[in-house]
N, C-alpha and C. Protein backbone atom coordinates (compact mmCIF):
# COMPACT_ATOMS: atom_id res chain seq x y z
N GLY A 1 9.47 20.73 16.56
CA GLY A 1 8.60 21.87 16.77
C GLY A 1 8.09 22.53 15.50
N LYS A 2 8.53 22.07 14.34
CA LYS A 2 8.08 22.69 13.09
C LYS A 2 6.62 22.38 12.80
N THR A 3 5.94 23.35 12.20
CA THR A 3 4.53 23.20 11.84
C THR A 3 4.37 22.28 10.63
N CYS A 4 3.38 21.40 10.70
CA CYS A 4 3.11 20.51 9.56
C CYS A 4 1.65 20.13 9.54
N PHE A 5 1.25 19.51 8.43
CA PHE A 5 -0.11 18.99 8.24
C PHE A 5 0.02 17.51 7.91
N GLY A 6 -0.86 16.70 8.50
CA GLY A 6 -0.75 15.26 8.36
C GLY A 6 -1.88 14.64 7.56
N GLY A 7 -1.59 13.46 7.03
CA GLY A 7 -2.58 12.64 6.37
C GLY A 7 -2.39 11.20 6.80
N LEU A 8 -3.48 10.53 7.14
CA LEU A 8 -3.43 9.13 7.59
C LEU A 8 -4.28 8.27 6.69
N ASP A 9 -3.63 7.33 5.98
CA ASP A 9 -4.37 6.34 5.20
C ASP A 9 -4.25 5.03 5.96
N LEU A 10 -5.32 4.67 6.65
CA LEU A 10 -5.30 3.55 7.58
C LEU A 10 -5.68 2.25 6.88
N ALA A 11 -4.82 1.24 7.03
CA ALA A 11 -5.11 -0.07 6.43
C ALA A 11 -6.33 -0.68 7.10
N SER A 12 -7.14 -1.36 6.30
CA SER A 12 -8.34 -2.00 6.85
C SER A 12 -7.97 -3.22 7.68
N VAL A 13 -7.14 -4.11 7.18
CA VAL A 13 -6.77 -5.31 7.93
C VAL A 13 -5.28 -5.63 7.75
N ARG A 14 -4.88 -5.95 6.50
CA ARG A 14 -3.53 -6.48 6.29
C ARG A 14 -2.67 -5.62 5.37
N ASP A 15 -3.20 -4.50 4.92
CA ASP A 15 -2.47 -3.70 3.94
C ASP A 15 -1.52 -2.71 4.60
N VAL A 16 -1.01 -1.81 3.77
CA VAL A 16 -0.06 -0.80 4.23
C VAL A 16 -0.81 0.39 4.83
N THR A 17 -0.36 0.84 5.98
CA THR A 17 -0.83 2.09 6.58
C THR A 17 0.23 3.14 6.34
N CYS A 18 -0.20 4.34 5.94
CA CYS A 18 0.75 5.42 5.65
C CYS A 18 0.37 6.69 6.40
N ILE A 19 1.39 7.34 6.92
CA ILE A 19 1.24 8.66 7.53
C ILE A 19 2.15 9.62 6.77
N THR A 20 1.58 10.69 6.26
CA THR A 20 2.36 11.74 5.61
C THR A 20 2.34 12.99 6.48
N LEU A 21 3.51 13.61 6.64
CA LEU A 21 3.61 14.93 7.25
C LEU A 21 4.16 15.89 6.21
N LEU A 22 3.43 16.99 5.99
CA LEU A 22 3.85 18.01 5.03
C LEU A 22 4.22 19.28 5.79
N PHE A 23 5.42 19.78 5.53
CA PHE A 23 5.92 20.96 6.20
C PHE A 23 5.98 22.11 5.18
N PRO A 24 5.07 23.09 5.29
CA PRO A 24 5.06 24.19 4.33
C PRO A 24 6.25 25.13 4.53
N LYS A 25 6.79 25.62 3.42
CA LYS A 25 7.90 26.58 3.43
C LYS A 25 7.41 27.92 2.90
N ASP A 26 8.17 28.96 3.19
CA ASP A 26 7.76 30.32 2.81
C ASP A 26 7.67 30.51 1.30
N ASP A 27 8.41 29.71 0.53
CA ASP A 27 8.40 29.87 -0.93
C ASP A 27 7.30 29.06 -1.61
N GLY A 28 6.38 28.48 -0.81
CA GLY A 28 5.29 27.70 -1.38
C GLY A 28 5.62 26.24 -1.60
N SER A 29 6.82 25.82 -1.25
CA SER A 29 7.20 24.42 -1.39
C SER A 29 6.91 23.66 -0.09
N TYR A 30 7.13 22.35 -0.13
CA TYR A 30 6.88 21.51 1.04
C TYR A 30 8.00 20.50 1.22
N ASP A 31 8.36 20.29 2.48
CA ASP A 31 9.15 19.11 2.84
C ASP A 31 8.17 18.01 3.23
N LEU A 32 8.45 16.78 2.83
CA LEU A 32 7.52 15.68 3.05
C LEU A 32 8.21 14.54 3.78
N LEU A 33 7.57 14.07 4.84
CA LEU A 33 8.02 12.86 5.53
C LEU A 33 6.92 11.81 5.41
N LEU A 34 7.30 10.61 4.99
CA LEU A 34 6.34 9.52 4.83
C LEU A 34 6.72 8.38 5.76
N TYR A 35 5.75 7.93 6.55
CA TYR A 35 5.93 6.81 7.47
C TYR A 35 5.01 5.68 7.03
N ASN A 36 5.57 4.49 6.85
CA ASN A 36 4.82 3.35 6.32
C ASN A 36 4.85 2.18 7.31
N PHE A 37 3.75 1.45 7.36
CA PHE A 37 3.63 0.33 8.28
C PHE A 37 2.89 -0.81 7.58
N ILE A 38 3.33 -2.05 7.85
CA ILE A 38 2.65 -3.22 7.30
C ILE A 38 2.77 -4.36 8.30
N PRO A 39 1.73 -5.18 8.44
CA PRO A 39 1.83 -6.34 9.34
C PRO A 39 3.00 -7.23 8.92
N GLN A 40 3.79 -7.64 9.89
CA GLN A 40 5.02 -8.38 9.62
C GLN A 40 4.80 -9.64 8.79
N ASP A 41 3.82 -10.45 9.18
CA ASP A 41 3.59 -11.73 8.48
C ASP A 41 3.25 -11.48 7.02
N ASN A 42 2.40 -10.50 6.78
CA ASN A 42 1.99 -10.21 5.41
C ASN A 42 3.16 -9.64 4.60
N ALA A 43 4.04 -8.89 5.26
CA ALA A 43 5.18 -8.29 4.56
C ALA A 43 6.08 -9.37 3.98
N TYR A 44 6.36 -10.40 4.75
CA TYR A 44 7.24 -11.47 4.26
C TYR A 44 6.56 -12.26 3.14
N ILE A 45 5.26 -12.49 3.27
CA ILE A 45 4.52 -13.20 2.22
C ILE A 45 4.57 -12.43 0.92
N ARG A 46 4.29 -11.11 1.00
CA ARG A 46 4.24 -10.29 -0.21
C ARG A 46 5.62 -10.09 -0.82
N THR A 47 6.64 -10.06 0.01
CA THR A 47 8.01 -9.94 -0.51
C THR A 47 8.35 -11.14 -1.38
N GLU A 48 7.96 -12.33 -0.91
CA GLU A 48 8.26 -13.55 -1.67
C GLU A 48 7.32 -13.72 -2.86
N ARG A 49 6.03 -13.49 -2.63
CA ARG A 49 5.03 -13.77 -3.65
C ARG A 49 5.01 -12.73 -4.76
N ASP A 50 5.02 -11.45 -4.36
CA ASP A 50 4.84 -10.37 -5.34
C ASP A 50 6.14 -9.65 -5.69
N LYS A 51 7.23 -10.06 -5.04
CA LYS A 51 8.55 -9.46 -5.30
C LYS A 51 8.55 -7.95 -5.03
N VAL A 52 7.80 -7.55 -4.00
CA VAL A 52 7.83 -6.16 -3.54
C VAL A 52 8.90 -6.06 -2.46
N ASP A 53 9.67 -4.98 -2.46
CA ASP A 53 10.89 -4.91 -1.63
C ASP A 53 10.63 -4.53 -0.18
N TYR A 54 9.59 -5.05 0.45
CA TYR A 54 9.27 -4.64 1.82
C TYR A 54 10.41 -4.93 2.80
N VAL A 55 11.03 -6.09 2.68
CA VAL A 55 12.10 -6.44 3.62
C VAL A 55 13.29 -5.50 3.46
N ARG A 56 13.68 -5.22 2.23
CA ARG A 56 14.80 -4.30 2.00
C ARG A 56 14.44 -2.90 2.50
N TRP A 57 13.21 -2.46 2.22
CA TRP A 57 12.78 -1.14 2.69
C TRP A 57 12.78 -1.06 4.21
N LYS A 58 12.43 -2.17 4.88
CA LYS A 58 12.48 -2.19 6.33
C LYS A 58 13.92 -2.04 6.80
N ASP A 59 14.82 -2.78 6.19
CA ASP A 59 16.23 -2.71 6.58
C ASP A 59 16.80 -1.31 6.36
N GLU A 60 16.27 -0.61 5.37
CA GLU A 60 16.75 0.74 5.07
C GLU A 60 16.02 1.82 5.87
N GLY A 61 15.02 1.40 6.67
CA GLY A 61 14.33 2.34 7.54
C GLY A 61 13.15 3.07 6.93
N TYR A 62 12.64 2.60 5.78
CA TYR A 62 11.54 3.28 5.12
C TYR A 62 10.17 2.73 5.49
N ILE A 63 10.11 1.58 6.15
CA ILE A 63 8.84 0.99 6.55
C ILE A 63 9.06 0.22 7.85
N GLU A 64 8.03 0.21 8.68
CA GLU A 64 8.08 -0.54 9.93
C GLU A 64 7.12 -1.72 9.87
N PHE A 65 7.58 -2.87 10.34
CA PHE A 65 6.73 -4.05 10.42
C PHE A 65 6.04 -4.06 11.78
N THR A 66 4.71 -4.16 11.76
CA THR A 66 3.97 -4.25 13.01
C THR A 66 3.76 -5.73 13.34
N PRO A 67 3.65 -6.07 14.62
CA PRO A 67 3.54 -7.48 15.01
C PRO A 67 2.29 -8.15 14.43
N GLY A 68 2.42 -9.44 14.08
CA GLY A 68 1.27 -10.25 13.66
C GLY A 68 0.95 -10.14 12.19
N ASP A 69 -0.29 -10.53 11.85
CA ASP A 69 -0.70 -10.56 10.44
C ASP A 69 -1.85 -9.60 10.14
N VAL A 70 -2.20 -8.74 11.09
CA VAL A 70 -3.22 -7.71 10.84
C VAL A 70 -2.68 -6.37 11.34
N CYS A 71 -3.29 -5.30 10.87
CA CYS A 71 -2.84 -3.96 11.23
C CYS A 71 -2.95 -3.75 12.74
N ASP A 72 -1.86 -3.36 13.37
CA ASP A 72 -1.82 -3.11 14.81
C ASP A 72 -2.09 -1.63 15.05
N TYR A 73 -3.34 -1.29 15.37
CA TYR A 73 -3.73 0.11 15.52
C TYR A 73 -3.06 0.78 16.71
N ASN A 74 -2.75 0.02 17.76
CA ASN A 74 -2.04 0.59 18.90
C ASN A 74 -0.64 1.03 18.51
N PHE A 75 -0.01 0.26 17.64
CA PHE A 75 1.32 0.61 17.14
C PHE A 75 1.24 1.94 16.39
N ILE A 76 0.21 2.09 15.56
CA ILE A 76 0.03 3.32 14.79
C ILE A 76 -0.23 4.49 15.73
N LYS A 77 -1.05 4.26 16.74
CA LYS A 77 -1.36 5.32 17.70
C LYS A 77 -0.11 5.79 18.42
N HIS A 78 0.72 4.87 18.83
CA HIS A 78 1.96 5.24 19.52
C HIS A 78 2.88 6.04 18.59
N LYS A 79 2.89 5.69 17.31
CA LYS A 79 3.71 6.43 16.36
C LYS A 79 3.21 7.86 16.20
N ILE A 80 1.89 8.02 16.09
CA ILE A 80 1.31 9.36 15.96
C ILE A 80 1.58 10.17 17.21
N THR A 81 1.51 9.53 18.38
CA THR A 81 1.85 10.20 19.64
C THR A 81 3.29 10.69 19.63
N GLU A 82 4.20 9.83 19.15
CA GLU A 82 5.61 10.20 19.05
C GLU A 82 5.82 11.38 18.11
N LEU A 83 5.17 11.33 16.94
CA LEU A 83 5.32 12.40 15.96
C LEU A 83 4.75 13.71 16.49
N SER A 84 3.65 13.62 17.25
CA SER A 84 3.03 14.82 17.81
C SER A 84 3.92 15.48 18.86
N SER A 85 4.77 14.69 19.50
CA SER A 85 5.70 15.25 20.48
C SER A 85 6.90 15.90 19.79
N LEU A 86 7.17 15.51 18.55
CA LEU A 86 8.30 16.05 17.80
C LEU A 86 7.92 17.29 16.99
N PHE A 87 6.71 17.27 16.43
CA PHE A 87 6.29 18.31 15.50
C PHE A 87 4.98 18.95 15.94
N ASP A 88 4.73 20.15 15.41
CA ASP A 88 3.47 20.85 15.66
C ASP A 88 2.49 20.47 14.55
N ILE A 89 1.78 19.35 14.75
CA ILE A 89 0.83 18.88 13.74
C ILE A 89 -0.47 19.67 13.89
N LYS A 90 -0.72 20.58 12.96
CA LYS A 90 -1.90 21.43 13.04
C LYS A 90 -3.18 20.63 12.91
N MET A 91 -3.17 19.66 12.02
CA MET A 91 -4.31 18.77 11.84
C MET A 91 -3.86 17.57 11.02
N MET A 92 -4.57 16.45 11.22
CA MET A 92 -4.26 15.24 10.45
C MET A 92 -5.54 14.75 9.79
N GLY A 93 -5.54 14.72 8.46
CA GLY A 93 -6.70 14.25 7.72
C GLY A 93 -6.76 12.74 7.68
N TYR A 94 -7.98 12.22 7.66
CA TYR A 94 -8.18 10.78 7.54
C TYR A 94 -9.44 10.52 6.72
N ASP A 95 -9.53 9.34 6.17
CA ASP A 95 -10.67 8.93 5.35
C ASP A 95 -11.88 8.70 6.25
N ARG A 96 -12.91 9.52 6.09
CA ARG A 96 -14.07 9.44 6.98
C ARG A 96 -14.79 8.09 6.87
N TRP A 97 -14.63 7.41 5.72
CA TRP A 97 -15.30 6.13 5.54
C TRP A 97 -14.47 4.96 6.06
N ASN A 98 -13.26 5.25 6.50
CA ASN A 98 -12.42 4.18 7.04
C ASN A 98 -11.93 4.56 8.43
N SER A 99 -12.76 5.32 9.15
CA SER A 99 -12.40 5.71 10.51
C SER A 99 -12.56 4.51 11.43
N SER A 100 -11.97 4.61 12.61
CA SER A 100 -12.00 3.49 13.54
C SER A 100 -11.86 4.01 14.95
N GLN A 101 -11.80 3.08 15.88
CA GLN A 101 -11.58 3.44 17.27
C GLN A 101 -10.26 4.20 17.43
N LEU A 102 -9.31 3.94 16.55
CA LEU A 102 -8.03 4.63 16.60
C LEU A 102 -8.22 6.14 16.53
N VAL A 103 -9.03 6.59 15.57
CA VAL A 103 -9.27 8.03 15.39
C VAL A 103 -9.96 8.60 16.63
N ILE A 104 -10.92 7.86 17.17
CA ILE A 104 -11.62 8.30 18.38
C ILE A 104 -10.65 8.45 19.54
N ASP A 105 -9.77 7.45 19.71
CA ASP A 105 -8.80 7.49 20.81
C ASP A 105 -7.84 8.67 20.67
N ILE A 106 -7.34 8.89 19.46
CA ILE A 106 -6.40 10.00 19.24
C ILE A 106 -7.07 11.33 19.56
N THR A 107 -8.33 11.46 19.16
CA THR A 107 -9.07 12.70 19.40
C THR A 107 -9.34 12.90 20.88
N GLU A 108 -9.86 11.86 21.54
CA GLU A 108 -10.22 11.99 22.94
C GLU A 108 -9.00 12.20 23.84
N GLU A 109 -7.87 11.65 23.46
CA GLU A 109 -6.66 11.79 24.26
C GLU A 109 -5.89 13.07 23.91
N GLY A 110 -6.40 13.83 22.95
CA GLY A 110 -5.78 15.11 22.60
C GLY A 110 -4.40 14.98 21.99
N ILE A 111 -4.16 13.87 21.29
CA ILE A 111 -2.83 13.64 20.70
C ILE A 111 -2.58 14.62 19.56
N CYS A 112 -3.54 14.74 18.65
CA CYS A 112 -3.49 15.77 17.62
C CYS A 112 -4.88 15.90 17.00
N PRO A 113 -5.20 17.05 16.40
CA PRO A 113 -6.51 17.22 15.78
C PRO A 113 -6.68 16.30 14.59
N MET A 114 -7.80 15.58 14.54
CA MET A 114 -8.10 14.67 13.43
C MET A 114 -9.26 15.25 12.62
N ILE A 115 -9.09 15.34 11.31
CA ILE A 115 -10.07 15.96 10.42
C ILE A 115 -10.49 14.96 9.34
N PRO A 116 -11.80 14.63 9.23
CA PRO A 116 -12.22 13.73 8.16
C PRO A 116 -12.07 14.39 6.79
N VAL A 117 -11.53 13.65 5.84
CA VAL A 117 -11.32 14.17 4.49
C VAL A 117 -12.05 13.26 3.50
N GLY A 118 -12.98 13.84 2.75
CA GLY A 118 -13.71 13.07 1.75
C GLY A 118 -12.80 12.59 0.64
N GLN A 119 -13.13 11.45 0.07
CA GLN A 119 -12.29 10.86 -0.97
C GLN A 119 -12.85 11.08 -2.37
N GLY A 120 -13.87 11.93 -2.48
CA GLY A 120 -14.48 12.20 -3.78
C GLY A 120 -13.73 13.27 -4.56
N PHE A 121 -14.25 13.60 -5.73
CA PHE A 121 -13.60 14.57 -6.60
C PHE A 121 -13.53 15.96 -5.96
N LYS A 122 -14.57 16.33 -5.20
CA LYS A 122 -14.64 17.68 -4.63
C LYS A 122 -13.42 18.00 -3.79
N THR A 123 -12.96 17.05 -3.01
CA THR A 123 -11.80 17.26 -2.14
C THR A 123 -10.50 16.85 -2.81
N MET A 124 -10.51 15.71 -3.47
CA MET A 124 -9.25 15.14 -3.96
C MET A 124 -8.75 15.79 -5.25
N SER A 125 -9.65 16.32 -6.07
CA SER A 125 -9.20 16.92 -7.33
C SER A 125 -8.32 18.15 -7.12
N PRO A 126 -8.73 19.13 -6.28
CA PRO A 126 -7.85 20.28 -6.06
C PRO A 126 -6.49 19.86 -5.51
N ALA A 127 -6.48 18.91 -4.57
CA ALA A 127 -5.21 18.46 -4.00
C ALA A 127 -4.37 17.72 -5.04
N SER A 128 -5.02 16.89 -5.88
CA SER A 128 -4.30 16.15 -6.92
C SER A 128 -3.65 17.09 -7.93
N LYS A 129 -4.40 18.10 -8.34
CA LYS A 129 -3.86 19.05 -9.31
C LYS A 129 -2.74 19.89 -8.71
N GLU A 130 -2.91 20.28 -7.44
CA GLU A 130 -1.85 21.04 -6.77
C GLU A 130 -0.60 20.20 -6.59
N PHE A 131 -0.79 18.92 -6.26
CA PHE A 131 0.34 18.01 -6.09
C PHE A 131 1.12 17.88 -7.39
N GLU A 132 0.40 17.74 -8.49
CA GLU A 132 1.06 17.65 -9.79
C GLU A 132 1.86 18.92 -10.09
N THR A 133 1.27 20.08 -9.78
CA THR A 133 1.96 21.35 -10.00
C THR A 133 3.22 21.45 -9.16
N LEU A 134 3.12 21.03 -7.89
CA LEU A 134 4.28 21.07 -7.00
C LEU A 134 5.41 20.17 -7.50
N ILE A 135 5.04 18.98 -8.00
CA ILE A 135 6.05 18.06 -8.52
C ILE A 135 6.74 18.65 -9.73
N LEU A 136 5.95 19.17 -10.68
CA LEU A 136 6.52 19.73 -11.90
C LEU A 136 7.36 20.97 -11.63
N SER A 137 7.06 21.66 -10.52
CA SER A 137 7.80 22.87 -10.15
C SER A 137 8.95 22.57 -9.20
N ASN A 138 9.21 21.28 -8.95
CA ASN A 138 10.27 20.88 -8.01
C ASN A 138 10.08 21.49 -6.63
N LYS A 139 8.82 21.51 -6.17
CA LYS A 139 8.52 22.10 -4.87
C LYS A 139 8.06 21.06 -3.84
N ILE A 140 8.34 19.79 -4.12
CA ILE A 140 8.12 18.72 -3.14
C ILE A 140 9.46 18.04 -2.89
N ARG A 141 9.89 18.04 -1.65
CA ARG A 141 11.14 17.37 -1.28
C ARG A 141 10.81 16.19 -0.37
N HIS A 142 11.12 14.97 -0.81
CA HIS A 142 10.80 13.78 -0.02
C HIS A 142 12.02 12.93 0.29
N GLY A 143 13.22 13.47 0.02
CA GLY A 143 14.43 12.77 0.37
C GLY A 143 14.68 11.50 -0.42
N GLY A 144 14.07 11.39 -1.59
CA GLY A 144 14.26 10.21 -2.42
C GLY A 144 13.62 8.95 -1.85
N ASN A 145 12.51 9.12 -1.13
CA ASN A 145 11.85 7.97 -0.50
C ASN A 145 11.43 6.94 -1.56
N PRO A 146 12.00 5.73 -1.53
CA PRO A 146 11.72 4.75 -2.59
C PRO A 146 10.29 4.22 -2.56
N ILE A 147 9.67 4.20 -1.39
CA ILE A 147 8.28 3.71 -1.32
C ILE A 147 7.34 4.72 -1.95
N LEU A 148 7.58 6.01 -1.71
CA LEU A 148 6.74 7.03 -2.33
C LEU A 148 6.92 7.01 -3.84
N ARG A 149 8.16 6.83 -4.31
CA ARG A 149 8.40 6.74 -5.76
C ARG A 149 7.64 5.54 -6.35
N TRP A 150 7.73 4.40 -5.67
CA TRP A 150 7.06 3.18 -6.14
C TRP A 150 5.55 3.39 -6.18
N MET A 151 5.00 3.96 -5.11
CA MET A 151 3.55 4.16 -5.07
C MET A 151 3.11 5.15 -6.15
N MET A 152 3.92 6.18 -6.38
CA MET A 152 3.58 7.15 -7.42
C MET A 152 3.53 6.49 -8.78
N SER A 153 4.43 5.52 -9.01
CA SER A 153 4.45 4.83 -10.31
C SER A 153 3.24 3.92 -10.48
N ASN A 154 2.54 3.61 -9.38
CA ASN A 154 1.37 2.73 -9.44
C ASN A 154 0.07 3.48 -9.70
N VAL A 155 0.10 4.81 -9.59
CA VAL A 155 -1.14 5.59 -9.62
C VAL A 155 -1.79 5.58 -11.00
N VAL A 156 -3.09 5.34 -11.00
CA VAL A 156 -3.94 5.53 -12.18
C VAL A 156 -4.99 6.57 -11.80
N LEU A 157 -5.15 7.59 -12.64
CA LEU A 157 -6.09 8.65 -12.33
C LEU A 157 -7.48 8.34 -12.85
N LYS A 158 -8.46 8.75 -12.08
CA LYS A 158 -9.85 8.72 -12.50
C LYS A 158 -10.26 10.14 -12.86
N ILE A 159 -10.91 10.33 -14.00
CA ILE A 159 -11.27 11.66 -14.48
C ILE A 159 -12.77 11.70 -14.74
N ASP A 160 -13.43 12.74 -14.21
CA ASP A 160 -14.87 12.87 -14.43
C ASP A 160 -15.13 13.78 -15.63
N PRO A 161 -16.39 13.93 -16.07
CA PRO A 161 -16.68 14.74 -17.26
C PRO A 161 -16.26 16.20 -17.14
N ALA A 162 -16.11 16.71 -15.91
CA ALA A 162 -15.70 18.10 -15.70
C ALA A 162 -14.19 18.25 -15.59
N SER A 163 -13.45 17.17 -15.91
CA SER A 163 -11.98 17.14 -15.86
C SER A 163 -11.42 17.22 -14.45
N ASN A 164 -12.23 16.86 -13.46
CA ASN A 164 -11.71 16.68 -12.12
C ASN A 164 -10.96 15.35 -12.07
N ILE A 165 -9.93 15.29 -11.24
CA ILE A 165 -9.12 14.08 -11.18
C ILE A 165 -8.92 13.62 -9.74
N LYS A 166 -8.66 12.33 -9.60
CA LYS A 166 -8.27 11.77 -8.31
C LYS A 166 -7.66 10.39 -8.56
N PRO A 167 -6.80 9.92 -7.66
CA PRO A 167 -6.25 8.57 -7.82
C PRO A 167 -7.35 7.53 -7.69
N ASP A 168 -7.26 6.49 -8.51
CA ASP A 168 -8.26 5.42 -8.51
C ASP A 168 -7.62 4.17 -7.90
N LYS A 169 -7.95 3.88 -6.63
CA LYS A 169 -7.35 2.73 -5.97
C LYS A 169 -7.70 1.42 -6.67
N SER A 170 -8.92 1.34 -7.20
CA SER A 170 -9.36 0.08 -7.81
C SER A 170 -8.64 -0.20 -9.12
N LYS A 171 -8.18 0.82 -9.81
CA LYS A 171 -7.53 0.64 -11.10
C LYS A 171 -6.00 0.71 -11.00
N SER A 172 -5.47 1.21 -9.90
CA SER A 172 -4.03 1.36 -9.77
C SER A 172 -3.36 0.00 -9.74
N THR A 173 -2.14 -0.07 -10.26
CA THR A 173 -1.48 -1.35 -10.47
C THR A 173 -1.00 -1.99 -9.17
N GLU A 174 -0.74 -1.18 -8.14
CA GLU A 174 -0.28 -1.69 -6.85
C GLU A 174 -0.67 -0.68 -5.78
N LYS A 175 -0.02 -0.74 -4.63
CA LYS A 175 -0.36 0.13 -3.51
C LYS A 175 -0.09 1.60 -3.83
N ILE A 176 -1.02 2.48 -3.41
CA ILE A 176 -0.84 3.93 -3.58
C ILE A 176 -1.18 4.67 -2.29
N ASP A 177 -1.15 3.94 -1.16
CA ASP A 177 -1.61 4.51 0.11
C ASP A 177 -0.84 5.77 0.50
N GLY A 178 0.46 5.80 0.23
CA GLY A 178 1.25 6.97 0.57
C GLY A 178 0.88 8.20 -0.25
N ILE A 179 0.40 7.98 -1.46
CA ILE A 179 -0.08 9.10 -2.28
C ILE A 179 -1.40 9.63 -1.71
N ILE A 180 -2.28 8.72 -1.28
CA ILE A 180 -3.55 9.14 -0.70
C ILE A 180 -3.32 9.93 0.59
N SER A 181 -2.43 9.44 1.46
CA SER A 181 -2.17 10.16 2.71
C SER A 181 -1.54 11.53 2.42
N THR A 182 -0.72 11.61 1.38
CA THR A 182 -0.10 12.88 1.00
C THR A 182 -1.15 13.86 0.49
N LEU A 183 -2.08 13.39 -0.31
CA LEU A 183 -3.12 14.27 -0.83
C LEU A 183 -4.03 14.77 0.28
N MET A 184 -4.31 13.92 1.27
CA MET A 184 -5.12 14.38 2.40
C MET A 184 -4.39 15.45 3.20
N ALA A 185 -3.08 15.25 3.41
CA ALA A 185 -2.30 16.27 4.12
C ALA A 185 -2.25 17.57 3.33
N LEU A 186 -2.07 17.45 2.01
CA LEU A 186 -2.02 18.64 1.16
C LEU A 186 -3.36 19.36 1.14
N SER A 187 -4.45 18.61 1.13
CA SER A 187 -5.78 19.22 1.17
C SER A 187 -5.95 20.06 2.42
N GLU A 188 -5.48 19.55 3.56
CA GLU A 188 -5.59 20.30 4.81
C GLU A 188 -4.69 21.54 4.79
N ALA A 189 -3.50 21.40 4.22
CA ALA A 189 -2.59 22.55 4.12
C ALA A 189 -3.18 23.64 3.23
N MET A 190 -3.80 23.23 2.13
CA MET A 190 -4.43 24.19 1.21
C MET A 190 -5.61 24.88 1.89
N GLN A 191 -6.42 24.13 2.62
CA GLN A 191 -7.56 24.71 3.31
C GLN A 191 -7.11 25.71 4.36
N ASN A 192 -6.05 25.36 5.09
CA ASN A 192 -5.52 26.27 6.11
C ASN A 192 -5.01 27.56 5.49
N LYS A 193 -4.34 27.42 4.34
CA LYS A 193 -3.83 28.60 3.64
C LYS A 193 -4.97 29.49 3.18
N ASN A 194 -6.03 28.88 2.66
CA ASN A 194 -7.19 29.66 2.21
C ASN A 194 -7.87 30.37 3.38
N ASP A 195 -7.97 29.66 4.51
CA ASP A 195 -8.60 30.25 5.69
C ASP A 195 -7.81 31.45 6.19
N ASN A 196 -6.48 31.34 6.15
CA ASN A 196 -5.63 32.43 6.63
C ASN A 196 -5.64 33.62 5.68
N ASN A 197 -5.76 33.33 4.38
CA ASN A 197 -5.79 34.42 3.40
C ASN A 197 -7.10 35.18 3.45
N GLY A 198 -8.17 34.48 3.85
CA GLY A 198 -9.48 35.12 3.93
C GLY A 198 -10.05 35.42 2.55
N SER A 199 -11.18 36.10 2.53
CA SER A 199 -11.84 36.46 1.29
C SER A 199 -11.21 37.70 0.70
N GLY A 200 -11.24 37.81 -0.60
CA GLY A 200 -10.74 38.99 -1.27
C GLY A 200 -11.55 40.23 -0.97
N TYR A 201 -12.75 40.05 -0.39
CA TYR A 201 -13.62 41.18 -0.08
C TYR A 201 -13.49 41.64 1.38
N ASP A 202 -12.67 40.92 2.17
CA ASP A 202 -12.62 41.21 3.59
C ASP A 202 -12.20 42.63 3.90
N ASP A 203 -11.24 43.19 3.13
CA ASP A 203 -10.73 44.52 3.43
C ASP A 203 -11.20 45.56 2.42
N LYS A 204 -12.28 45.26 1.72
CA LYS A 204 -12.80 46.19 0.72
C LYS A 204 -14.25 46.54 1.05
N GLU A 205 -14.61 47.78 0.74
CA GLU A 205 -15.99 48.20 0.93
C GLU A 205 -16.84 47.63 -0.20
N ILE A 206 -17.99 47.09 0.14
CA ILE A 206 -18.89 46.49 -0.85
C ILE A 206 -20.00 47.48 -1.17
N PHE A 207 -20.22 47.74 -2.46
CA PHE A 207 -21.30 48.61 -2.89
C PHE A 207 -22.42 47.75 -3.47
N PHE A 208 -23.63 47.96 -2.99
CA PHE A 208 -24.77 47.20 -3.47
C PHE A 208 -25.47 48.01 -4.54
N ILE A 209 -25.81 47.36 -5.68
CA ILE A 209 -26.47 48.07 -6.77
C ILE A 209 -27.76 47.33 -7.13
């Protein structure tokens, strides 16, 4: 029943799908739950070929193998349905350029609110900078999730001339999907906080000169 904000980084075909749930606390910190999914056939191939610990992570409960060799969207939908019955998911962000029938189904069936989140600097830079601040302030608790640690070590940042930042999937050394889903969830949490705080002028009289 706890309130949280979600982020969904949906695999296109054979990659990792990640769902992040962020639970805001009164002191400005967050508890983080990360759910990871990968097609079973691809997981075994990558474990042998690339020496990524998918099989061990599965045995330890950090990732779920979906049937077959492509992303099983029904499996993901059922997981989101399960999570929505456990927690009060205020909204779940997703990449608007990688939306699918899955997002439509979740929305139409009223499983949880789905919000498109842009992947450009405008949206991702504030979330990236806030995430860095939370990490340095010890205000992110993820239970020592080894997949999140691994993905964080893979991140390469892209920086524009105005010093905006965001993770660069094309330059990152390996998978960073869990970081992307976390940033989308954090972006929604930040937006909700701003909406609730309102404008600084809301309770003040404005004088026109």
